Amino acid sequence: MPKKFNLEQYKLVKINWLDAMDSDTGWHDLKKMKQSKAEPVQSVGWIINETEKWYTMSADFCSDGTTGRAITIPKDWCQKITLLTSEAIDGSAR
């Protein structure tokens, strides 16, 4: 079955970014809440869309061009973007 898209047109990257932290519902100690921090996250995937304000990346693709595990990350939250190579790994070498 021929591919309906070309994955090589997208950049494979790792994005280091800070995610907002949410607290459980209920009452919390004010001193503890003042110590809350954003959570560092690392995401790996292909950039499928980039705008002035965000990156949309996806980690999985099917042969028909459908995608899974996609996320949109605000550029203001990004700390570092690393371009990765997509070299093939021989599965029989395990």
PDB file of N, CA and C in Angstrom:
ATOM      1  N   MET A   1       0.846  -1.178   0.000  1.00  0.00           N
ATOM      2  CA  MET A   1       0.000   0.000   0.000  1.00  0.00           C
ATOM      3  C   MET A   1       0.895   1.245   0.000  1.00  0.00           C
ATOM      4  N   PRO A   2       0.745   2.155  -0.954  1.00  0.00           N
ATOM      5  CA  PRO A   2       1.580   3.359  -0.997  1.00  0.00           C
ATOM      6  C   PRO A   2       1.221   4.325   0.131  1.00  0.00           C
ATOM      7  N   LYS A   3       2.222   5.045   0.592  1.00  0.00           N
ATOM      8  CA  LYS A   3       2.000   6.044   1.631  1.00  0.00           C
ATOM      9  C   LYS A   3       1.238   7.231   1.048  1.00  0.00           C
ATOM     10  N   LYS A   4       0.373   7.839   1.846  1.00  0.00           N
ATOM     11  CA  LYS A   4      -0.384   9.002   1.413  1.00  0.00           C
ATOM     12  C   LYS A   4       0.256  10.298   1.912  1.00  0.00           C
ATOM     13  N   PHE A   5       1.402  10.170   2.558  1.00  0.00           N
ATOM     14  CA  PHE A   5       2.118  11.338   3.051  1.00  0.00           C
ATOM     15  C   PHE A   5       3.599  10.990   3.132  1.00  0.00           C
ATOM     16  N   ASN A   6       4.430  11.997   3.311  1.00  0.00           N
ATOM     17  CA  ASN A   6       5.869  11.790   3.388  1.00  0.00           C
ATOM     18  C   ASN A   6       6.346  12.261   4.759  1.00  0.00           C
ATOM     19  N   LEU A   7       6.629  11.324   5.663  1.00  0.00           N
ATOM     20  CA  LEU A   7       7.060  11.658   7.016  1.00  0.00           C
ATOM     21  C   LEU A   7       8.356  12.453   7.013  1.00  0.00           C
ATOM     22  N   GLU A   8       9.179  12.271   5.988  1.00  0.00           N
ATOM     23  CA  GLU A   8      10.459  12.970   5.924  1.00  0.00           C
ATOM     24  C   GLU A   8      10.306  14.479   5.757  1.00  0.00           C
ATOM     25  N   GLN A   9       9.112  14.953   5.442  1.00  0.00           N
ATOM     26  CA  GLN A   9       8.908  16.398   5.313  1.00  0.00           C
ATOM     27  C   GLN A   9       8.817  17.094   6.670  1.00  0.00           C
ATOM     28  N   TYR A  10       8.746  16.309   7.749  1.00  0.00           N
ATOM     29  CA  TYR A  10       8.624  16.864   9.098  1.00  0.00           C
ATOM     30  C   TYR A  10       9.934  16.721   9.859  1.00  0.00           C
ATOM     31  N   LYS A  11      10.214  17.660  10.759  1.00  0.00           N
ATOM     32  CA  LYS A  11      11.421  17.604  11.579  1.00  0.00           C
ATOM     33  C   LYS A  11      11.160  16.748  12.816  1.00  0.00           C
ATOM     34  N   LEU A  12      12.066  15.809  13.094  1.00  0.00           N
ATOM     35  CA  LEU A  12      12.016  15.002  14.306  1.00  0.00           C
ATOM     36  C   LEU A  12      12.790  15.752  15.388  1.00  0.00           C
ATOM     37  N   VAL A  13      12.125  16.044  16.511  1.00  0.00           N
ATOM     38  CA  VAL A  13      12.735  16.877  17.545  1.00  0.00           C
ATOM     39  C   VAL A  13      12.453  16.341  18.948  1.00  0.00           C
ATOM     40  N   LYS A  14      13.253  16.817  19.886  1.00  0.00           N
ATOM     41  CA  LYS A  14      12.967  16.667  21.311  1.00  0.00           C
ATOM     42  C   LYS A  14      12.763  18.080  21.842  1.00  0.00           C
ATOM     43  N   ILE A  15      11.639  18.310  22.501  1.00  0.00           N
ATOM     44  CA  ILE A  15      11.355  19.615  23.092  1.00  0.00           C
ATOM     45  C   ILE A  15      11.385  19.487  24.601  1.00  0.00           C
ATOM     46  N   ASN A  16      12.235  20.284  25.233  1.00  0.00           N
ATOM     47  CA  ASN A  16      12.232  20.424  26.686  1.00  0.00           C
ATOM     48  C   ASN A  16      11.361  21.632  27.005  1.00  0.00           C
ATOM     49  N   TRP A  17      10.344  21.417  27.855  1.00  0.00           N
ATOM     50  CA  TRP A  17       9.421  22.500  28.132  1.00  0.00           C
ATOM     51  C   TRP A  17       8.893  22.402  29.560  1.00  0.00           C
ATOM     52  N   LEU A  18       8.308  23.484  30.048  1.00  0.00           N
ATOM     53  CA  LEU A  18       7.729  23.521  31.384  1.00  0.00           C
ATOM     54  C   LEU A  18       6.220  23.469  31.284  1.00  0.00           C
ATOM     55  N   ASP A  19       5.625  22.508  31.989  1.00  0.00           N
ATOM     56  CA  ASP A  19       4.173  22.348  32.000  1.00  0.00           C
ATOM     57  C   ASP A  19       3.604  22.970  33.265  1.00  0.00           C
ATOM     58  N   ALA A  20       2.407  23.494  33.152  1.00  0.00           N
ATOM     59  CA  ALA A  20       1.709  24.034  34.315  1.00  0.00           C
ATOM     60  C   ALA A  20       1.354  22.889  35.262  1.00  0.00           C
ATOM     61  N   MET A  21       1.417  23.144  36.545  1.00  0.00           N
ATOM     62  CA  MET A  21       1.042  22.140  37.548  1.00  0.00           C
ATOM     63  C   MET A  21      -0.328  22.488  38.106  1.00  0.00           C
ATOM     64  N   ASP A  22      -1.125  21.468  38.299  1.00  0.00           N
ATOM     65  CA  ASP A  22      -2.464  21.622  38.848  1.00  0.00           C
ATOM     66  C   ASP A  22      -2.502  20.921  40.201  1.00  0.00           C
ATOM     67  N   SER A  23      -3.270  21.469  41.118  1.00  0.00           N
ATOM     68  CA  SER A  23      -3.407  20.853  42.445  1.00  0.00           C
ATOM     69  C   SER A  23      -4.680  20.026  42.500  1.00  0.00           C
ATOM     70  N   ASP A  24      -4.682  19.058  43.394  1.00  0.00           N
ATOM     71  CA  ASP A  24      -5.893  18.279  43.627  1.00  0.00           C
ATOM     72  C   ASP A  24      -6.993  19.210  44.134  1.00  0.00           C
ATOM     73  N   THR A  25      -8.234  18.827  43.860  1.00  0.00           N
ATOM     74  CA  THR A  25      -9.364  19.599  44.373  1.00  0.00           C
ATOM     75  C   THR A  25      -9.378  19.497  45.892  1.00  0.00           C
ATOM     76  N   GLY A  26      -9.696  20.581  46.548  1.00  0.00           N
ATOM     77  CA  GLY A  26      -9.784  20.579  48.010  1.00  0.00           C
ATOM     78  C   GLY A  26      -8.958  21.699  48.604  1.00  0.00           C
ATOM     79  N   TRP A  27      -8.805  21.633  49.909  1.00  0.00           N
ATOM     80  CA  TRP A  27      -8.072  22.665  50.646  1.00  0.00           C
ATOM     81  C   TRP A  27      -6.598  22.312  50.731  1.00  0.00           C
ATOM     82  N   HIS A  28      -5.742  23.353  50.614  1.00  0.00           N
ATOM     83  CA  HIS A  28      -4.296  23.152  50.636  1.00  0.00           C
ATOM     84  C   HIS A  28      -3.645  24.193  51.530  1.00  0.00           C
ATOM     85  N   ASP A  29      -2.556  23.799  52.152  1.00  0.00           N
ATOM     86  CA  ASP A  29      -1.782  24.699  52.986  1.00  0.00           C
ATOM     87  C   ASP A  29      -1.167  25.795  52.115  1.00  0.00           C
ATOM     88  N   LEU A  30      -1.381  27.040  52.464  1.00  0.00           N
ATOM     89  CA  LEU A  30      -0.898  28.181  51.682  1.00  0.00           C
ATOM     90  C   LEU A  30       0.625  28.155  51.530  1.00  0.00           C
ATOM     91  N   LYS A  31       1.352  27.808  52.609  1.00  0.00           N
ATOM     92  CA  LYS A  31       2.818  27.752  52.540  1.00  0.00           C
ATOM     93  C   LYS A  31       3.273  26.724  51.498  1.00  0.00           C
ATOM     94  N   LYS A  32       2.596  25.563  51.470  1.00  0.00           N
ATOM     95  CA  LYS A  32       2.950  24.521  50.515  1.00  0.00           C
ATOM     96  C   LYS A  32       2.659  24.983  49.085  1.00  0.00           C
ATOM     97  N   MET A  33       1.526  25.647  48.895  1.00  0.00           N
ATOM     98  CA  MET A  33       1.152  26.098  47.552  1.00  0.00           C
ATOM     99  C   MET A  33       2.106  27.174  47.031  1.00  0.00           C
ATOM    100  N   LYS A  34       2.648  27.982  47.923  1.00  0.00           N
ATOM    101  CA  LYS A  34       3.610  29.013  47.504  1.00  0.00           C
ATOM    102  C   LYS A  34       4.906  28.406  46.981  1.00  0.00           C
ATOM    103  N   GLN A  35       5.146  27.138  47.301  1.00  0.00           N
ATOM    104  CA  GLN A  35       6.357  26.447  46.847  1.00  0.00           C
ATOM    105  C   GLN A  35       6.136  25.658  45.556  1.00  0.00           C
ATOM    106  N   SER A  36       4.931  25.720  45.006  1.00  0.00           N
ATOM    107  CA  SER A  36       4.626  24.985  43.772  1.00  0.00           C
ATOM    108  C   SER A  36       5.503  25.473  42.624  1.00  0.00           C
ATOM    109  N   LYS A  37       5.853  24.541  41.738  1.00  0.00           N
ATOM    110  CA  LYS A  37       6.689  24.859  40.584  1.00  0.00           C
ATOM    111  C   LYS A  37       6.087  24.228  39.333  1.00  0.00           C
ATOM    112  N   ALA A  38       6.476  24.753  38.196  1.00  0.00           N
ATOM    113  CA  ALA A  38       6.114  24.127  36.924  1.00  0.00           C
ATOM    114  C   ALA A  38       6.892  22.824  36.792  1.00  0.00           C
ATOM    115  N   GLU A  39       6.345  21.892  36.035  1.00  0.00           N
ATOM    116  CA  GLU A  39       6.965  20.577  35.880  1.00  0.00           C
ATOM    117  C   GLU A  39       7.751  20.491  34.577  1.00  0.00           C
ATOM    118  N   PRO A  40       9.077  20.159  34.639  1.00  0.00           N
ATOM    119  CA  PRO A  40       9.849  19.980  33.408  1.00  0.00           C
ATOM    120  C   PRO A  40       9.393  18.722  32.663  1.00  0.00           C
ATOM    121  N   VAL A  41       9.247  18.841  31.346  1.00  0.00           N
ATOM    122  CA  VAL A  41       8.784  17.748  30.502  1.00  0.00           C
ATOM    123  C   VAL A  41       9.692  17.650  29.282  1.00  0.00           C
ATOM    124  N   GLN A  42       9.896  16.418  28.786  1.00  0.00           N
ATOM    125  CA  GLN A  42      10.597  16.195  27.524  1.00  0.00           C
ATOM    126  C   GLN A  42       9.649  15.444  26.607  1.00  0.00           C
ATOM    127  N   SER A  43       9.423  15.986  25.431  1.00  0.00           N
ATOM    128  CA  SER A  43       8.560  15.347  24.437  1.00  0.00           C
ATOM    129  C   SER A  43       9.353  15.125  23.162  1.00  0.00           C
ATOM    130  N   VAL A  44       9.155  13.945  22.533  1.00  0.00           N
ATOM    131  CA  VAL A  44       9.831  13.609  21.284  1.00  0.00           C
ATOM    132  C   VAL A  44       8.778  13.319  20.225  1.00  0.00           C
ATOM    133  N   GLY A  45       8.964  13.895  19.043  1.00  0.00           N
ATOM    134  CA  GLY A  45       8.039  13.650  17.941  1.00  0.00           C
ATOM    135  C   GLY A  45       8.389  14.517  16.748  1.00  0.00           C
ATOM    136  N   TRP A  46       7.511  14.470  15.770  1.00  0.00           N
ATOM    137  CA  TRP A  46       7.701  15.248  14.553  1.00  0.00           C
ATOM    138  C   TRP A  46       6.860  16.505  14.630  1.00  0.00           C
ATOM    139  N   ILE A  47       7.476  17.661  14.295  1.00  0.00           N
ATOM    140  CA  ILE A  47       6.747  18.925  14.247  1.00  0.00           C
ATOM    141  C   ILE A  47       5.835  18.874  13.026  1.00  0.00           C
ATOM    142  N   ILE A  48       4.523  18.860  13.244  1.00  0.00           N
ATOM    143  CA  ILE A  48       3.583  18.795  12.123  1.00  0.00           C
ATOM    144  C   ILE A  48       2.970  20.157  11.822  1.00  0.00           C
ATOM    145  N   ASN A  49       3.125  21.105  12.761  1.00  0.00           N
ATOM    146  CA  ASN A  49       2.658  22.475  12.521  1.00  0.00           C
ATOM    147  C   ASN A  49       3.391  23.411  13.469  1.00  0.00           C
ATOM    148  N   GLU A  50       3.761  24.568  12.955  1.00  0.00           N
ATOM    149  CA  GLU A  50       4.392  25.597  13.772  1.00  0.00           C
ATOM    150  C   GLU A  50       3.759  26.926  13.422  1.00  0.00           C
ATOM    151  N   THR A  51       3.348  27.648  14.458  1.00  0.00           N
ATOM    152  CA  THR A  51       2.820  28.992  14.266  1.00  0.00           C
ATOM    153  C   THR A  51       3.702  29.960  15.040  1.00  0.00           C
ATOM    154  N   GLU A  52       3.313  31.196  15.042  1.00  0.00           N
ATOM    155  CA  GLU A  52       4.038  32.218  15.792  1.00  0.00           C
ATOM    156  C   GLU A  52       4.017  31.913  17.293  1.00  0.00           C
ATOM    157  N   LYS A  53       2.979  31.205  17.767  1.00  0.00           N
ATOM    158  CA  LYS A  53       2.795  31.017  19.205  1.00  0.00           C
ATOM    159  C   LYS A  53       2.999  29.599  19.718  1.00  0.00           C
ATOM    160  N   TRP A  54       2.969  28.569  18.863  1.00  0.00           N
ATOM    161  CA  TRP A  54       3.088  27.204  19.372  1.00  0.00           C
ATOM    162  C   TRP A  54       3.653  26.241  18.345  1.00  0.00           C
ATOM    163  N   TYR A  55       4.043  25.066  18.890  1.00  0.00           N
ATOM    164  CA  TYR A  55       4.444  23.917  18.087  1.00  0.00           C
ATOM    165  C   TYR A  55       3.396  22.838  18.288  1.00  0.00           C
ATOM    166  N   THR A  56       3.012  22.158  17.212  1.00  0.00           N
ATOM    167  CA  THR A  56       2.213  20.950  17.326  1.00  0.00           C
ATOM    168  C   THR A  56       3.080  19.816  16.836  1.00  0.00           C
ATOM    169  N   MET A  57       3.220  18.791  17.685  1.00  0.00           N
ATOM    170  CA  MET A  57       4.058  17.655  17.338  1.00  0.00           C
ATOM    171  C   MET A  57       3.273  16.363  17.547  1.00  0.00           C
ATOM    172  N   SER A  58       3.671  15.323  16.814  1.00  0.00           N
ATOM    173  CA  SER A  58       3.030  14.021  16.931  1.00  0.00           C
ATOM    174  C   SER A  58       4.100  12.949  17.032  1.00  0.00           C
ATOM    175  N   ALA A  59       3.828  11.933  17.848  1.00  0.00           N
ATOM    176  CA  ALA A  59       4.799  10.865  18.058  1.00  0.00           C
ATOM    177  C   ALA A  59       4.552   9.642  17.180  1.00  0.00           C
ATOM    178  N   ASP A  60       3.329   9.461  16.694  1.00  0.00           N
ATOM    179  CA  ASP A  60       2.997   8.248  15.947  1.00  0.00           C
ATOM    180  C   ASP A  60       2.286   8.574  14.641  1.00  0.00           C
ATOM    181  N   PHE A  61       2.591   7.796  13.595  1.00  0.00           N
ATOM    182  CA  PHE A  61       1.936   7.942  12.294  1.00  0.00           C
ATOM    183  C   PHE A  61       1.591   6.569  11.738  1.00  0.00           C
ATOM    184  N   CYS A  62       0.437   6.440  11.127  1.00  0.00           N
ATOM    185  CA  CYS A  62       0.057   5.222  10.403  1.00  0.00           C
ATOM    186  C   CYS A  62       0.337   5.445   8.916  1.00  0.00           C
ATOM    187  N   SER A  63       0.327   4.360   8.152  1.00  0.00           N
ATOM    188  CA  SER A  63       0.655   4.448   6.733  1.00  0.00           C
ATOM    189  C   SER A  63      -0.342   5.299   5.957  1.00  0.00           C
ATOM    190  N   ASP A  64      -1.559   5.478   6.477  1.00  0.00           N
ATOM    191  CA  ASP A  64      -2.555   6.300   5.778  1.00  0.00           C
ATOM    192  C   ASP A  64      -2.453   7.783   6.134  1.00  0.00           C
ATOM    193  N   GLY A  65      -1.465   8.136   6.991  1.00  0.00           N
ATOM    194  CA  GLY A  65      -1.275   9.532   7.352  1.00  0.00           C
ATOM    195  C   GLY A  65      -2.004   9.953   8.614  1.00  0.00           C
ATOM    196  N   THR A  66      -2.734   9.034   9.249  1.00  0.00           N
ATOM    197  CA  THR A  66      -3.351   9.390  10.522  1.00  0.00           C
ATOM    198  C   THR A  66      -2.264   9.438  11.587  1.00  0.00           C
ATOM    199  N   THR A  67      -2.524  10.175  12.650  1.00  0.00           N
ATOM    200  CA  THR A  67      -1.500  10.423  13.648  1.00  0.00           C
ATOM    201  C   THR A  67      -2.045  10.214  15.053  1.00  0.00           C
ATOM    202  N   GLY A  68      -1.145   9.915  15.979  1.00  0.00           N
ATOM    203  CA  GLY A  68      -1.518   9.716  17.368  1.00  0.00           C
ATOM    204  C   GLY A  68      -0.505  10.341  18.305  1.00  0.00           C
ATOM    205  N   ARG A  69      -0.905  10.483  19.540  1.00  0.00           N
ATOM    206  CA  ARG A  69      -0.096  11.112  20.595  1.00  0.00           C
ATOM    207  C   ARG A  69       0.417  12.482  20.169  1.00  0.00           C
ATOM    208  N   ALA A  70      -0.498  13.320  19.723  1.00  0.00           N
ATOM    209  CA  ALA A  70      -0.141  14.682  19.311  1.00  0.00           C
ATOM    210  C   ALA A  70      -0.303  15.628  20.499  1.00  0.00           C
ATOM    211  N   ILE A  71       0.502  16.671  20.514  1.00  0.00           N
ATOM    212  CA  ILE A  71       0.440  17.683  21.571  1.00  0.00           C
ATOM    213  C   ILE A  71       0.774  19.031  20.968  1.00  0.00           C
ATOM    214  N   THR A  72       0.135  20.073  21.471  1.00  0.00           N
ATOM    215  CA  THR A  72       0.454  21.443  21.080  1.00  0.00           C
ATOM    216  C   THR A  72       1.064  22.133  22.294  1.00  0.00           C
ATOM    217  N   ILE A  73       2.273  22.662  22.115  1.00  0.00           N
ATOM    218  CA  ILE A  73       3.026  23.273  23.210  1.00  0.00           C
ATOM    219  C   ILE A  73       3.231  24.752  22.907  1.00  0.00           C
ATOM    220  N   PRO A  74       2.826  25.654  23.808  1.00  0.00           N
ATOM    221  CA  PRO A  74       3.094  27.074  23.594  1.00  0.00           C
ATOM    222  C   PRO A  74       4.603  27.337  23.530  1.00  0.00           C
ATOM    223  N   LYS A  75       5.035  28.143  22.578  1.00  0.00           N
ATOM    224  CA  LYS A  75       6.465  28.433  22.427  1.00  0.00           C
ATOM    225  C   LYS A  75       7.039  29.085  23.676  1.00  0.00           C
ATOM    226  N   ASP A  76       6.234  29.868  24.394  1.00  0.00           N
ATOM    227  CA  ASP A  76       6.700  30.508  25.623  1.00  0.00           C
ATOM    228  C   ASP A  76       7.080  29.490  26.691  1.00  0.00           C
ATOM    229  N   TRP A  77       6.549  28.270  26.597  1.00  0.00           N
ATOM    230  CA  TRP A  77       6.832  27.226  27.582  1.00  0.00           C
ATOM    231  C   TRP A  77       8.067  26.418  27.215  1.00  0.00           C
ATOM    232  N   CYS A  78       8.560  26.558  25.977  1.00  0.00           N
ATOM    233  CA  CYS A  78       9.696  25.763  25.493  1.00  0.00           C
ATOM    234  C   CYS A  78      11.010  26.330  26.011  1.00  0.00           C
ATOM    235  N   GLN A  79      11.864  25.445  26.483  1.00  0.00           N
ATOM    236  CA  GLN A  79      13.181  25.840  26.964  1.00  0.00           C
ATOM    237  C   GLN A  79      14.289  25.493  25.975  1.00  0.00           C
ATOM    238  N   LYS A  80      14.121  24.349  25.288  1.00  0.00           N
ATOM    239  CA  LYS A  80      15.160  23.895  24.367  1.00  0.00           C
ATOM    240  C   LYS A  80      14.527  22.964  23.339  1.00  0.00           C
ATOM    241  N   ILE A  81      14.968  23.088  22.094  1.00  0.00           N
ATOM    242  CA  ILE A  81      14.518  22.196  21.032  1.00  0.00           C
ATOM    243  C   ILE A  81      15.758  21.588  20.391  1.00  0.00           C
ATOM    244  N   THR A  82      15.793  20.258  20.358  1.00  0.00           N
ATOM    245  CA  THR A  82      16.923  19.534  19.790  1.00  0.00           C
ATOM    246  C   THR A  82      16.454  18.797  18.545  1.00  0.00           C
ATOM    247  N   LEU A  83      17.104  19.054  17.416  1.00  0.00           N
ATOM    248  CA  LEU A  83      16.804  18.349  16.177  1.00  0.00           C
ATOM    249  C   LEU A  83      17.413  16.957  16.262  1.00  0.00           C
ATOM    250  N   LEU A  84      16.610  15.921  15.994  1.00  0.00           N
ATOM    251  CA  LEU A  84      17.064  14.536  16.069  1.00  0.00           C
ATOM    252  C   LEU A  84      17.158  13.959  14.663  1.00  0.00           C
ATOM    253  N   THR A  85      17.935  12.886  14.519  1.00  0.00           N
ATOM    254  CA  THR A  85      17.990  12.176  13.246  1.00  0.00           C
ATOM    255  C   THR A  85      17.091  10.957  13.349  1.00  0.00           C
ATOM    256  N   SER A  86      16.600  10.503  12.234  1.00  0.00           N
ATOM    257  CA  SER A  86      15.713   9.343  12.241  1.00  0.00           C
ATOM    258  C   SER A  86      16.376   8.177  11.523  1.00  0.00           C
ATOM    259  N   GLU A  87      17.507   7.725  12.074  1.00  0.00           N
ATOM    260  CA  GLU A  87      18.219   6.583  11.513  1.00  0.00           C
ATOM    261  C   GLU A  87      17.473   5.303  11.861  1.00  0.00           C
ATOM    262  N   ALA A  88      17.481   4.362  10.943  1.00  0.00           N
ATOM    263  CA  ALA A  88      16.803   3.087  11.169  1.00  0.00           C
ATOM    264  C   ALA A  88      17.602   2.235  12.143  1.00  0.00           C
ATOM    265  N   ILE A  89      16.880   1.497  12.986  1.00  0.00           N
ATOM    266  CA  ILE A  89      17.504   0.540  13.906  1.00  0.00           C
ATOM    267  C   ILE A  89      17.075  -0.848  13.465  1.00  0.00           C
ATOM    268  N   ASP A  90      18.052  -1.728  13.279  1.00  0.00           N
ATOM    269  CA  ASP A  90      17.770  -3.091  12.859  1.00  0.00           C
ATOM    270  C   ASP A  90      17.224  -3.871  14.047  1.00  0.00           C
ATOM    271  N   GLY A  91      15.962  -4.233  14.017  1.00  0.00           N
ATOM    272  CA  GLY A  91      15.311  -4.932  15.109  1.00  0.00           C
ATOM    273  C   GLY A  91      15.891  -6.308  15.388  1.00  0.00           C
ATOM    274  N   SER A  92      16.591  -6.888  14.437  1.00  0.00           N
ATOM    275  CA  SER A  92      17.157  -8.222  14.636  1.00  0.00           C
ATOM    276  C   SER A  92      18.428  -8.181  15.475  1.00  0.00           C
ATOM    277  N   ALA A  93      18.944  -6.995  15.768  1.00  0.00           N
ATOM    278  CA  ALA A  93      20.198  -6.858  16.513  1.00  0.00           C
ATOM    279  C   ALA A  93      19.982  -6.920  18.021  1.00  0.00           C
ATOM    280  N   ARG A  94      18.782  -7.174  18.459  1.00  0.00           N
ATOM    281  CA  ARG A  94      18.507  -7.185  19.916  1.00  0.00           C
ATOM    282  C   ARG A  94      19.060  -8.385  20.581  1.00  0.00           C
TER     283      ARG A  94
END
